[in-house]
Amino acid sequence: MIEARRKDNESIGAFLRRFTKKVQQSGVLIRARKTRYKITPKNKKEKQEAALRRFRTNQEREKLFKLGKLDEYGRK
């Protein structure tokens, strides 16, 4: 964790420059940007549930298509 305290008679601008320099040198921003869009892999149970959900929705879509309630693009 980065800590910076404002010195006596230090302007806000000088303090901000010093703080941003410390942040850049520490590598905190680089680590945060690397993990920003990281997607955690699903475990086995989540994968199975997602597959079952896809299977059921496809079956329902086919059923509605055969009944004539959906067109070929899946719209009503």
C-alpha atoms as a PDB file:
ATOM      1  CA  MET A   1       0.000   0.000   0.000  1.00  0.00           C
ATOM      2  CA  ILE A   2       1.296   3.416  -0.905  1.00  0.00           C
ATOM      3  CA  GLU A   3       1.290   6.159   1.636  1.00  0.00           C
ATOM      4  CA  ALA A   4       2.166   9.773   1.061  1.00  0.00           C
ATOM      5  CA  ARG A   5       1.769  12.613   3.499  1.00  0.00           C
ATOM      6  CA  ARG A   6       1.701  16.233   2.504  1.00  0.00           C
ATOM      7  CA  LYS A   7       4.785  18.102   3.634  1.00  0.00           C
ATOM      8  CA  ASP A   8       4.622  21.493   5.338  1.00  0.00           C
ATOM      9  CA  ASN A   9       4.150  24.350   2.836  1.00  0.00           C
ATOM     10  CA  GLU A  10       3.781  21.871  -0.068  1.00  0.00           C
ATOM     11  CA  SER A  11       1.266  22.839  -2.704  1.00  0.00           C
ATOM     12  CA  ILE A  12      -1.490  20.456  -3.734  1.00  0.00           C
ATOM     13  CA  GLY A  13      -0.054  20.205  -7.246  1.00  0.00           C
ATOM     14  CA  ALA A  14       3.408  19.248  -6.001  1.00  0.00           C
ATOM     15  CA  PHE A  15       1.904  16.711  -3.633  1.00  0.00           C
ATOM     16  CA  LEU A  16      -0.172  15.161  -6.432  1.00  0.00           C
ATOM     17  CA  ARG A  17       2.865  14.908  -8.710  1.00  0.00           C
ATOM     18  CA  ARG A  18       4.879  13.235  -5.962  1.00  0.00           C
ATOM     19  CA  PHE A  19       2.033  10.847  -5.147  1.00  0.00           C
ATOM     20  CA  THR A  20       1.411   9.849  -8.783  1.00  0.00           C
ATOM     21  CA  LYS A  21       5.129   9.245  -9.247  1.00  0.00           C
ATOM     22  CA  LYS A  22       5.111   6.919  -6.219  1.00  0.00           C
ATOM     23  CA  VAL A  23       2.073   5.061  -7.576  1.00  0.00           C
ATOM     24  CA  GLN A  24       3.667   4.600 -10.993  1.00  0.00           C
ATOM     25  CA  GLN A  25       6.952   3.380  -9.542  1.00  0.00           C
ATOM     26  CA  SER A  26       5.250   0.883  -7.256  1.00  0.00           C
ATOM     27  CA  GLY A  27       3.445  -0.887 -10.135  1.00  0.00           C
ATOM     28  CA  VAL A  28       0.028  -0.823  -8.477  1.00  0.00           C
ATOM     29  CA  LEU A  29      -1.695   0.485 -11.602  1.00  0.00           C
ATOM     30  CA  ILE A  30      -0.081  -2.128 -13.838  1.00  0.00           C
ATOM     31  CA  ARG A  31      -1.281  -4.943 -11.573  1.00  0.00           C
ATOM     32  CA  ALA A  32      -4.771  -3.457 -11.374  1.00  0.00           C
ATOM     33  CA  ARG A  33      -5.021  -3.134 -15.159  1.00  0.00           C
ATOM     34  CA  LYS A  34      -3.845  -6.719 -15.668  1.00  0.00           C
ATOM     35  CA  THR A  35      -6.530  -8.144 -13.401  1.00  0.00           C
ATOM     36  CA  ARG A  36      -9.283  -5.718 -14.386  1.00  0.00           C
ATOM     37  CA  TYR A  37     -10.946  -7.911 -17.014  1.00  0.00           C
ATOM     38  CA  LYS A  38      -9.769 -11.290 -15.762  1.00  0.00           C
ATOM     39  CA  ILE A  39     -12.506 -13.890 -15.888  1.00  0.00           C
ATOM     40  CA  THR A  40     -12.222 -16.665 -13.364  1.00  0.00           C
ATOM     41  CA  PRO A  41     -12.673 -20.112 -14.916  1.00  0.00           C
ATOM     42  CA  LYS A  42     -15.895 -21.933 -14.108  1.00  0.00           C
ATOM     43  CA  ASN A  43     -15.780 -25.059 -12.018  1.00  0.00           C
ATOM     44  CA  LYS A  44     -17.246 -28.363 -13.187  1.00  0.00           C
ATOM     45  CA  LYS A  45     -20.682 -27.824 -11.653  1.00  0.00           C
ATOM     46  CA  GLU A  46     -21.096 -24.353 -13.167  1.00  0.00           C
ATOM     47  CA  LYS A  47     -20.121 -25.707 -16.598  1.00  0.00           C
ATOM     48  CA  GLN A  48     -22.679 -28.496 -16.323  1.00  0.00           C
ATOM     49  CA  GLU A  49     -25.430 -26.108 -15.228  1.00  0.00           C
ATOM     50  CA  ALA A  50     -24.663 -23.746 -18.111  1.00  0.00           C
ATOM     51  CA  ALA A  51     -24.733 -26.631 -20.590  1.00  0.00           C
ATOM     52  CA  LEU A  52     -28.085 -27.840 -19.235  1.00  0.00           C
ATOM     53  CA  ARG A  53     -29.487 -24.306 -19.436  1.00  0.00           C
ATOM     54  CA  ARG A  54     -28.380 -24.000 -23.077  1.00  0.00           C
ATOM     55  CA  PHE A  55     -29.833 -27.422 -23.875  1.00  0.00           C
ATOM     56  CA  ARG A  56     -33.206 -26.584 -22.303  1.00  0.00           C
ATOM     57  CA  THR A  57     -33.485 -23.197 -24.016  1.00  0.00           C
ATOM     58  CA  ASN A  58     -32.624 -24.763 -27.384  1.00  0.00           C
ATOM     59  CA  GLN A  59     -35.270 -27.445 -26.845  1.00  0.00           C
ATOM     60  CA  GLU A  60     -37.860 -24.820 -25.929  1.00  0.00           C
ATOM     61  CA  ARG A  61     -36.911 -22.738 -28.974  1.00  0.00           C
ATOM     62  CA  GLU A  62     -37.248 -25.772 -31.281  1.00  0.00           C
ATOM     63  CA  LYS A  63     -40.626 -26.623 -29.763  1.00  0.00           C
ATOM     64  CA  LEU A  64     -41.933 -23.082 -30.310  1.00  0.00           C
ATOM     65  CA  PHE A  65     -40.557 -23.078 -33.867  1.00  0.00           C
ATOM     66  CA  LYS A  66     -42.380 -26.328 -34.674  1.00  0.00           C
ATOM     67  CA  LEU A  67     -45.597 -24.877 -33.255  1.00  0.00           C
ATOM     68  CA  GLY A  68     -45.169 -21.810 -35.461  1.00  0.00           C
ATOM     69  CA  LYS A  69     -44.810 -19.343 -32.607  1.00  0.00           C
ATOM     70  CA  LEU A  70     -41.257 -18.360 -33.621  1.00  0.00           C
ATOM     71  CA  ASP A  71     -39.786 -17.656 -37.029  1.00  0.00           C
ATOM     72  CA  GLU A  72     -36.437 -19.048 -38.164  1.00  0.00           C
ATOM     73  CA  TYR A  73     -34.533 -16.203 -36.449  1.00  0.00           C
ATOM     74  CA  GLY A  74     -36.088 -16.834 -33.047  1.00  0.00           C
ATOM     75  CA  ARG A  75     -38.417 -13.826 -33.138  1.00  0.00           C
ATOM     76  CA  LYS A  76     -42.132 -13.953 -32.396  1.00  0.00           C
END
